[in-house]
C-alpha atoms as a PDB file:
ATOM      1  CA  MET A   1      52.015 109.858 131.852  1.00  0.00           C
ATOM      2  CA  SER A   2      53.738 109.882 135.669  1.00  0.00           C
ATOM      3  CA  GLU A   3      54.753 107.587 137.462  1.00  0.00           C
ATOM      4  CA  ASP A   4      52.790 105.438 139.851  1.00  0.00           C
ATOM      5  CA  ALA A   5      51.351 107.214 142.934  1.00  0.00           C
ATOM      6  CA  THR A   6      52.429 105.153 146.160  1.00  0.00           C
ATOM      7  CA  ASN A   7      55.988 106.682 145.375  1.00  0.00           C
ATOM      8  CA  HIS A   8      54.065 109.816 146.535  1.00  0.00           C
ATOM      9  CA  ASP A   9      55.517 110.545 149.086  1.00  0.00           C
ATOM     10  CA  ARG A  10      59.456 110.858 148.626  1.00  0.00           C
ATOM     11  CA  PRO A  11      60.142 112.259 145.934  1.00  0.00           C
ATOM     12  CA  ALA A  12      60.976 110.872 142.823  1.00  0.00           C
ATOM     13  CA  PRO A  13      63.986 109.953 141.343  1.00  0.00           C
ATOM     14  CA  ALA A  14      65.271 112.063 138.251  1.00  0.00           C
ATOM     15  CA  LEU A  15      65.623 108.915 136.748  1.00  0.00           C
ATOM     16  CA  ARG A  16      64.351 105.652 137.147  1.00  0.00           C
ATOM     17  CA  ILE A  17      64.688 102.562 135.709  1.00  0.00           C
ATOM     18  CA  GLU A  18      63.157  99.115 134.478  1.00  0.00           C
ATOM     19  CA  GLY A  19      63.153  95.991 133.030  1.00  0.00           C
ATOM     20  CA  LEU A  20      65.227  97.801 130.276  1.00  0.00           C
ATOM     21  CA  SER A  21      65.757  95.197 127.236  1.00  0.00           C
ATOM     22  CA  LYS A  22      67.532  95.895 124.125  1.00  0.00           C
ATOM     23  CA  ARG A  23      68.709  93.077 121.960  1.00  0.00           C
ATOM     24  CA  PHE A  24      70.440  94.018 118.157  1.00  0.00           C
ATOM     25  CA  GLY A  25      69.765  90.523 116.150  1.00  0.00           C
ATOM     26  CA  ALA A  26      71.366  88.093 117.715  1.00  0.00           C
ATOM     27  CA  LYS A  27      73.790  90.467 120.256  1.00  0.00           C
ATOM     28  CA  VAL A  28      71.816  91.240 123.834  1.00  0.00           C
ATOM     29  CA  ALA A  29      72.781  94.428 124.578  1.00  0.00           C
ATOM     30  CA  VAL A  30      71.243  95.153 127.766  1.00  0.00           C
ATOM     31  CA  ASP A  31      69.521  92.649 129.675  1.00  0.00           C
ATOM     32  CA  GLY A  32      66.429  93.291 132.057  1.00  0.00           C
ATOM     33  CA  ILE A  33      68.342  96.264 134.027  1.00  0.00           C
ATOM     34  CA  ASP A  34      66.968  97.936 137.115  1.00  0.00           C
ATOM     35  CA  LEU A  35      68.129 101.743 137.570  1.00  0.00           C
ATOM     36  CA  GLU A  36      67.465 104.879 140.328  1.00  0.00           C
ATOM     37  CA  VAL A  37      69.475 107.830 140.171  1.00  0.00           C
ATOM     38  CA  PRO A  38      68.247 109.818 143.344  1.00  0.00           C
ATOM     39  CA  ALA A  39      67.529 113.630 142.197  1.00  0.00           C
ATOM     40  CA  GLY A  40      70.159 115.599 143.240  1.00  0.00           C
ATOM     41  CA  SER A  41      73.088 113.314 142.802  1.00  0.00           C
ATOM     42  CA  PHE A  42      76.286 112.915 140.965  1.00  0.00           C
ATOM     43  CA  TYR A  43      75.521 108.976 139.285  1.00  0.00           C
ATOM     44  CA  GLY A  44      78.481 106.843 137.280  1.00  0.00           C
ATOM     45  CA  LEU A  45      78.198 104.778 135.155  1.00  0.00           C
ATOM     46  CA  VAL A  46      81.144 102.356 134.372  1.00  0.00           C
ATOM     47  CA  GLY A  47      81.597  99.430 132.405  1.00  0.00           C
ATOM     48  CA  PRO A  48      84.095  97.666 129.993  1.00  0.00           C
ATOM     49  CA  ASN A  49      84.116  98.473 126.209  1.00  0.00           C
ATOM     50  CA  GLY A  50      80.607  96.455 124.591  1.00  0.00           C
ATOM     51  CA  ALA A  51      79.133  96.893 128.613  1.00  0.00           C
ATOM     52  CA  GLY A  52      75.713  98.440 127.475  1.00  0.00           C
ATOM     53  CA  LYS A  53      75.885 101.813 129.181  1.00  0.00           C
ATOM     54  CA  THR A  54      75.945 103.805 126.065  1.00  0.00           C
ATOM     55  CA  THR A  55      72.016 101.805 124.533  1.00  0.00           C
ATOM     56  CA  THR A  56      70.939 102.722 128.698  1.00  0.00           C
ATOM     57  CA  LEU A  57      71.513 106.238 128.013  1.00  0.00           C
ATOM     58  CA  SER A  58      70.216 106.217 124.359  1.00  0.00           C
ATOM     59  CA  MET A  59      67.143 104.602 125.787  1.00  0.00           C
ATOM     60  CA  ALA A  60      66.457 106.668 129.097  1.00  0.00           C
ATOM     61  CA  THR A  61      67.485 109.307 126.701  1.00  0.00           C
ATOM     62  CA  GLY A  62      64.089 108.874 124.256  1.00  0.00           C
ATOM     63  CA  LEU A  63      66.949 107.985 121.777  1.00  0.00           C
ATOM     64  CA  LEU A  64      66.692 104.442 121.146  1.00  0.00           C
ATOM     65  CA  ARG A  65      62.903 102.730 121.442  1.00  0.00           C
ATOM     66  CA  PRO A  66      63.182  99.258 124.410  1.00  0.00           C
ATOM     67  CA  ASP A  67      62.787  96.709 123.354  1.00  0.00           C
ATOM     68  CA  THR A  68      61.094  95.907 126.385  1.00  0.00           C
ATOM     69  CA  GLY A  69      61.280  97.780 129.862  1.00  0.00           C
ATOM     70  CA  ARG A  70      59.527 101.607 131.093  1.00  0.00           C
ATOM     71  CA  ILE A  71      62.056 104.464 131.554  1.00  0.00           C
ATOM     72  CA  TRP A  72      60.687 108.062 133.671  1.00  0.00           C
ATOM     73  CA  VAL A  73      62.603 111.276 133.817  1.00  0.00           C
ATOM     74  CA  HIS A  74      60.900 112.875 137.411  1.00  0.00           C
ATOM     75  CA  GLY A  75      57.955 111.422 137.205  1.00  0.00           C
ATOM     76  CA  VAL A  76      57.611 111.761 133.649  1.00  0.00           C
ATOM     77  CA  ASP A  77      57.806 108.352 131.626  1.00  0.00           C
ATOM     78  CA  VAL A  78      59.848 108.561 128.773  1.00  0.00           C
ATOM     79  CA  TRP A  79      58.267 107.258 126.429  1.00  0.00           C
ATOM     80  CA  ALA A  80      54.871 107.764 126.647  1.00  0.00           C
ATOM     81  CA  ASP A  81      55.215 111.443 127.235  1.00  0.00           C
ATOM     82  CA  PRO A  82      58.938 111.905 125.522  1.00  0.00           C
ATOM     83  CA  THR A  83      57.910 115.796 124.430  1.00  0.00           C
ATOM     84  CA  THR A  84      57.857 116.941 128.413  1.00  0.00           C
ATOM     85  CA  ALA A  85      60.567 114.223 129.787  1.00  0.00           C
ATOM     86  CA  LYS A  86      62.993 115.535 126.623  1.00  0.00           C
ATOM     87  CA  ARG A  87      62.647 119.404 128.397  1.00  0.00           C
ATOM     88  CA  MET A  88      64.384 118.036 130.818  1.00  0.00           C
ATOM     89  CA  ILE A  89      66.843 116.452 130.041  1.00  0.00           C
ATOM     90  CA  GLY A  90      70.244 118.186 128.605  1.00  0.00           C
ATOM     91  CA  ASN A  91      71.967 114.842 126.608  1.00  0.00           C
ATOM     92  CA  LEU A  92      75.806 114.666 125.476  1.00  0.00           C
ATOM     93  CA  ALA A  93      75.397 111.530 123.687  1.00  0.00           C
ATOM     94  CA  ASP A  94      78.489 109.051 121.945  1.00  0.00           C
ATOM     95  CA  GLY A  95      78.726 109.393 119.272  1.00  0.00           C
ATOM     96  CA  VAL A  96      75.407 112.043 117.874  1.00  0.00           C
ATOM     97  CA  ARG A  97      76.370 114.531 115.056  1.00  0.00           C
ATOM     98  CA  LEU A  98      76.079 118.136 115.226  1.00  0.00           C
ATOM     99  CA  PHE A  99      74.888 120.515 112.781  1.00  0.00           C
ATOM    100  CA  ASP A 100      78.366 121.771 112.643  1.00  0.00           C
ATOM    101  CA  ARG A 101      78.743 123.733 109.256  1.00  0.00           C
ATOM    102  CA  LEU A 102      77.127 126.244 111.818  1.00  0.00           C
ATOM    103  CA  THR A 103      78.766 127.778 114.388  1.00  0.00           C
ATOM    104  CA  GLY A 104      79.320 127.375 117.488  1.00  0.00           C
ATOM    105  CA  GLU A 105      77.433 130.046 118.656  1.00  0.00           C
ATOM    106  CA  GLN A 106      74.951 129.548 115.912  1.00  0.00           C
ATOM    107  CA  LEU A 107      74.584 126.169 117.263  1.00  0.00           C
ATOM    108  CA  ILE A 108      73.897 127.107 120.321  1.00  0.00           C
ATOM    109  CA  THR A 109      71.303 129.607 119.381  1.00  0.00           C
ATOM    110  CA  TYR A 110      69.343 126.678 116.952  1.00  0.00           C
ATOM    111  CA  THR A 111      69.636 124.105 120.308  1.00  0.00           C
ATOM    112  CA  ALA A 112      68.582 127.171 122.472  1.00  0.00           C
ATOM    113  CA  MET A 113      65.737 127.778 119.492  1.00  0.00           C
ATOM    114  CA  MET A 114      64.598 124.419 118.810  1.00  0.00           C
ATOM    115  CA  PHE A 115      64.170 124.430 123.115  1.00  0.00           C
ATOM    116  CA  GLY A 116      60.952 127.033 122.268  1.00  0.00           C
ATOM    117  CA  LEU A 117      63.444 128.964 124.932  1.00  0.00           C
ATOM    118  CA  PRO A 118      62.266 132.881 125.251  1.00  0.00           C
ATOM    119  CA  ARG A 119      64.308 134.982 122.489  1.00  0.00           C
ATOM    120  CA  ALA A 120      65.468 137.431 124.605  1.00  0.00           C
ATOM    121  CA  GLU A 121      66.479 135.065 127.743  1.00  0.00           C
ATOM    122  CA  ILE A 122      68.904 133.834 123.793  1.00  0.00           C
ATOM    123  CA  ALA A 123      71.586 135.841 123.246  1.00  0.00           C
ATOM    124  CA  PRO A 124      72.861 136.257 127.641  1.00  0.00           C
ATOM    125  CA  ARG A 125      72.446 132.488 127.455  1.00  0.00           C
ATOM    126  CA  VAL A 126      74.903 131.707 125.049  1.00  0.00           C
ATOM    127  CA  ALA A 127      77.406 134.707 125.569  1.00  0.00           C
ATOM    128  CA  ASP A 128      77.248 132.580 129.025  1.00  0.00           C
ATOM    129  CA  LEU A 129      78.160 129.200 128.169  1.00  0.00           C
ATOM    130  CA  ILE A 130      80.812 130.372 125.140  1.00  0.00           C
ATOM    131  CA  ALA A 131      82.951 132.218 128.119  1.00  0.00           C
ATOM    132  CA  MET A 132      81.907 129.314 130.945  1.00  0.00           C
ATOM    133  CA  MET A 133      83.031 127.058 127.699  1.00  0.00           C
ATOM    134  CA  ASP A 134      86.283 128.956 126.956  1.00  0.00           C
ATOM    135  CA  LEU A 135      85.104 129.158 123.353  1.00  0.00           C
ATOM    136  CA  ARG A 136      85.115 133.274 122.566  1.00  0.00           C
ATOM    137  CA  GLU A 137      87.556 132.709 120.017  1.00  0.00           C
ATOM    138  CA  ALA A 138      86.000 130.112 118.166  1.00  0.00           C
ATOM    139  CA  ALA A 139      82.351 131.361 118.727  1.00  0.00           C
ATOM    140  CA  GLY A 140      82.657 132.370 114.866  1.00  0.00           C
ATOM    141  CA  THR A 141      84.190 129.045 113.777  1.00  0.00           C
ATOM    142  CA  ILE A 142      82.164 126.471 112.166  1.00  0.00           C
ATOM    143  CA  VAL A 143      81.109 123.742 114.725  1.00  0.00           C
ATOM    144  CA  ALA A 144      83.070 121.296 111.562  1.00  0.00           C
ATOM    145  CA  ASP A 145      86.495 122.134 112.230  1.00  0.00           C
ATOM    146  CA  TYR A 146      86.680 122.449 115.614  1.00  0.00           C
ATOM    147  CA  SER A 147      89.089 120.207 117.965  1.00  0.00           C
ATOM    148  CA  ALA A 148      87.822 117.301 119.065  1.00  0.00           C
ATOM    149  CA  GLY A 149      87.731 118.960 123.438  1.00  0.00           C
ATOM    150  CA  MET A 150      86.100 122.166 121.577  1.00  0.00           C
ATOM    151  CA  THR A 151      83.570 119.654 119.951  1.00  0.00           C
ATOM    152  CA  LYS A 152      83.054 118.510 123.128  1.00  0.00           C
ATOM    153  CA  LYS A 153      82.680 121.531 124.536  1.00  0.00           C
ATOM    154  CA  ILE A 154      80.101 122.969 122.177  1.00  0.00           C
ATOM    155  CA  ALA A 155      78.206 119.860 122.535  1.00  0.00           C
ATOM    156  CA  LEU A 156      78.208 120.485 126.022  1.00  0.00           C
ATOM    157  CA  ALA A 157      77.227 124.479 126.110  1.00  0.00           C
ATOM    158  CA  CYS A 158      74.130 123.014 123.891  1.00  0.00           C
ATOM    159  CA  ALA A 159      72.857 120.277 126.224  1.00  0.00           C
ATOM    160  CA  LEU A 160      73.270 122.804 129.304  1.00  0.00           C
ATOM    161  CA  VAL A 161      71.069 126.011 127.518  1.00  0.00           C
ATOM    162  CA  HIS A 162      68.060 125.097 128.418  1.00  0.00           C
ATOM    163  CA  ALA A 163      68.896 124.349 131.725  1.00  0.00           C
ATOM    164  CA  PRO A 164      67.633 120.915 132.089  1.00  0.00           C
ATOM    165  CA  ARG A 165      66.872 119.163 135.866  1.00  0.00           C
ATOM    166  CA  LEU A 166      69.270 115.833 134.796  1.00  0.00           C
ATOM    167  CA  LEU A 167      71.982 115.895 132.604  1.00  0.00           C
ATOM    168  CA  VAL A 168      73.004 112.658 130.562  1.00  0.00           C
ATOM    169  CA  LEU A 169      76.458 113.167 129.578  1.00  0.00           C
ATOM    170  CA  ASP A 170      78.285 109.998 127.673  1.00  0.00           C
ATOM    171  CA  GLU A 171      82.247 110.863 127.987  1.00  0.00           C
ATOM    172  CA  PRO A 172      82.464 113.860 128.600  1.00  0.00           C
ATOM    173  CA  PHE A 173      85.835 114.701 129.209  1.00  0.00           C
ATOM    174  CA  GLU A 174      86.898 112.653 126.435  1.00  0.00           C
ATOM    175  CA  SER A 175      89.872 114.904 124.178  1.00  0.00           C
ATOM    176  CA  VAL A 176      89.156 117.451 126.444  1.00  0.00           C
ATOM    177  CA  ASP A 177      92.254 119.666 127.683  1.00  0.00           C
ATOM    178  CA  PRO A 178      92.587 119.573 131.488  1.00  0.00           C
ATOM    179  CA  VAL A 179      92.116 122.993 132.187  1.00  0.00           C
ATOM    180  CA  SER A 180      89.193 123.108 130.505  1.00  0.00           C
ATOM    181  CA  ALA A 181      88.333 119.522 132.506  1.00  0.00           C
ATOM    182  CA  ALA A 182      88.514 120.989 135.472  1.00  0.00           C
ATOM    183  CA  ASN A 183      86.415 124.166 134.597  1.00  0.00           C
ATOM    184  CA  ILE A 184      83.860 121.826 133.545  1.00  0.00           C
ATOM    185  CA  GLU A 185      83.764 120.152 136.975  1.00  0.00           C
ATOM    186  CA  ASP A 186      83.428 123.253 138.402  1.00  0.00           C
ATOM    187  CA  ILE A 187      80.267 123.925 136.402  1.00  0.00           C
ATOM    188  CA  LEU A 188      78.798 120.164 136.893  1.00  0.00           C
ATOM    189  CA  ARG A 189      79.243 120.313 140.995  1.00  0.00           C
ATOM    190  CA  GLY A 190      77.414 123.778 141.118  1.00  0.00           C
ATOM    191  CA  TYR A 191      74.605 122.283 138.867  1.00  0.00           C
ATOM    192  CA  THR A 192      74.454 119.573 141.247  1.00  0.00           C
ATOM    193  CA  ALA A 193      75.004 121.468 144.392  1.00  0.00           C
ATOM    194  CA  SER A 194      71.584 123.316 142.813  1.00  0.00           C
ATOM    195  CA  GLY A 195      69.721 120.465 142.708  1.00  0.00           C
ATOM    196  CA  GLY A 196      70.563 119.557 139.247  1.00  0.00           C
ATOM    197  CA  SER A 197      71.440 116.080 138.768  1.00  0.00           C
ATOM    198  CA  VAL A 198      74.218 114.172 136.742  1.00  0.00           C
ATOM    199  CA  ILE A 199      75.058 111.408 134.999  1.00  0.00           C
ATOM    200  CA  VAL A 200      78.214 110.694 133.325  1.00  0.00           C
ATOM    201  CA  SER A 201      79.167 107.524 131.820  1.00  0.00           C
ATOM    202  CA  SER A 202      83.113 107.529 131.593  1.00  0.00           C
ATOM    203  CA  HIS A 203      85.632 104.988 131.390  1.00  0.00           C
ATOM    204  CA  SER A 204      88.380 106.972 134.274  1.00  0.00           C
ATOM    205  CA  MET A 205      88.020 105.400 137.271  1.00  0.00           C
ATOM    206  CA  ASP A 206      89.524 107.959 139.118  1.00  0.00           C
ATOM    207  CA  LEU A 207      86.950 110.641 137.757  1.00  0.00           C
ATOM    208  CA  VAL A 208      83.926 108.460 138.819  1.00  0.00           C
ATOM    209  CA  GLN A 209      85.455 108.214 142.490  1.00  0.00           C
ATOM    210  CA  ARG A 210      86.070 111.766 142.941  1.00  0.00           C
ATOM    211  CA  MET A 211      82.753 113.443 140.918  1.00  0.00           C
ATOM    212  CA  CYS A 212      80.534 110.895 141.777  1.00  0.00           C
ATOM    213  CA  ASP A 213      78.115 110.067 145.086  1.00  0.00           C
ATOM    214  CA  HIS A 214      76.869 106.778 143.341  1.00  0.00           C
ATOM    215  CA  VAL A 215      77.896 104.699 141.086  1.00  0.00           C
ATOM    216  CA  ALA A 216      76.531 101.575 138.584  1.00  0.00           C
ATOM    217  CA  VAL A 217      79.335  99.312 137.369  1.00  0.00           C
ATOM    218  CA  ILE A 218      77.384  97.128 134.720  1.00  0.00           C
ATOM    219  CA  ALA A 219      78.649  93.863 132.707  1.00  0.00           C
ATOM    220  CA  GLY A 220      77.176  92.366 129.741  1.00  0.00           C
ATOM    221  CA  GLY A 221      74.262  93.673 129.733  1.00  0.00           C
ATOM    222  CA  ARG A 222      73.293  94.032 133.090  1.00  0.00           C
ATOM    223  CA  VAL A 223      73.765  95.986 136.339  1.00  0.00           C
ATOM    224  CA  LEU A 224      76.695  94.085 138.729  1.00  0.00           C
ATOM    225  CA  ALA A 225      76.690  96.412 141.548  1.00  0.00           C
ATOM    226  CA  ALA A 226      74.719  99.627 142.553  1.00  0.00           C
ATOM    227  CA  GLY A 227      74.516 102.435 144.974  1.00  0.00           C
ATOM    228  CA  THR A 228      77.060 104.733 146.726  1.00  0.00           C
ATOM    229  CA  THR A 229      80.402 105.261 145.404  1.00  0.00           C
ATOM    230  CA  ASP A 230      81.712 103.864 148.800  1.00  0.00           C
ATOM    231  CA  GLN A 231      78.881 101.158 148.930  1.00  0.00           C
ATOM    232  CA  VAL A 232      80.416 100.305 145.759  1.00  0.00           C
ATOM    233  CA  ARG A 233      83.666 100.005 146.308  1.00  0.00           C
ATOM    234  CA  GLY A 234      84.171  99.231 149.923  1.00  0.00           C
ATOM    235  CA  ASP A 235      87.557  98.718 151.460  1.00  0.00           C
ATOM    236  CA  SER A 236      89.335  98.977 147.961  1.00  0.00           C
ATOM    237  CA  SER A 237      89.780 101.286 145.271  1.00  0.00           C
ATOM    238  CA  LEU A 238      87.111 101.067 142.609  1.00  0.00           C
ATOM    239  CA  GLN A 239      88.983 100.637 139.765  1.00  0.00           C
ATOM    240  CA  ASP A 240      90.146  97.443 142.495  1.00  0.00           C
ATOM    241  CA  ARG A 241      86.255  96.604 143.018  1.00  0.00           C
ATOM    242  CA  PHE A 242      85.058  97.257 139.047  1.00  0.00           C
ATOM    243  CA  ILE A 243      87.837  94.603 137.967  1.00  0.00           C
ATOM    244  CA  SER A 244      86.868  92.061 140.528  1.00  0.00           C
ATOM    245  CA  LEU A 245      83.385  92.334 139.603  1.00  0.00           C
ATOM    246  CA  VAL A 246      84.250  92.475 135.967  1.00  0.00           C
ATOM    247  CA  GLY A 247      87.085  90.163 135.544  1.00  0.00           C
ATOM    248  CA  GLY A 248      89.189  90.179 132.761  1.00  0.00           C
ATOM    249  CA  ARG A 249      92.806  91.342 133.786  1.00  0.00           C
ATOM    250  CA  HIS A 250      95.990  89.773 132.337  1.00  0.00           C
ATOM    251  CA  THR A 251      98.928  89.339 135.505  1.00  0.00           C
ATOM    252  CA  THR A 252     101.438  88.389 132.683  1.00  0.00           C
ATOM    253  CA  GLN A 253     104.152  90.932 132.758  1.00  0.00           C
ATOM    254  CA  GLY A 254     103.823  90.148 128.681  1.00  0.00           C
ATOM    255  CA  PRO A 255     105.852  87.873 126.308  1.00  0.00           C
ATOM    256  CA  GLU A 256     110.042  86.810 127.066  1.00  0.00           C
ATOM    257  CA  TRP A 257     110.631  88.992 123.482  1.00  0.00           C
ATOM    258  CA  LEU A 258     109.411  92.799 124.598  1.00  0.00           C
ATOM    259  CA  ARG A 259     110.943  92.714 127.473  1.00  0.00           C
ATOM    260  CA  GLN A 260     113.610  94.693 127.771  1.00  0.00           C
ATOM    261  CA  SER A 261     117.379  92.852 129.663  1.00  0.00           C
END
């Protein structure tokens, strides 16, 4: 099902969320979120722990059914037509188990087959991704034996293998070494420059401020601010703006017994 035809005169956003909410028992994880991610943008999603970022992304990518609200990916309703929507999404989700008894090469190959890529295209794409992620030496090692950073890189390779139109990345640089992180940044910049869209959830304000052209600040399951990065941060740094919105900073220097005399 496509988005309402009232917006036919402009390109559909990469992701559009309306009235999204999710409750777990008495806990309201997401509380009526509205969000629009422009096509071709590098969009940062920031918030404190427990803000609702991962829950929002899980619903946006079809992994978790919302209690209320609607989600479209390039005009396709994620829950009305999940097969079409998911083909356009590359998802690096937080905490999702991989088939870690496969080797890295086998895992990317299996993912490509799941997306129905033509057989002749799979091996070259797998080879490109393994080289791109600097995993040649580990390609024949089972993923269960990978370090945390290597596991993150092989999961990202799986998210990219079907050339999605939208990449949704939950903490993609966590546990990744600085050289690999720089290489991944270059890959993502090239991806957005060619028309792809990226949503990245991260605790690193420096990363988001450096890479993202749009950002949303989420806390308590609600969007506190959203827009271009320059609009959201205003005259301050993104970190200072984030703290002013979210609150909770302690100005104390700590207890007396902790100070070194």
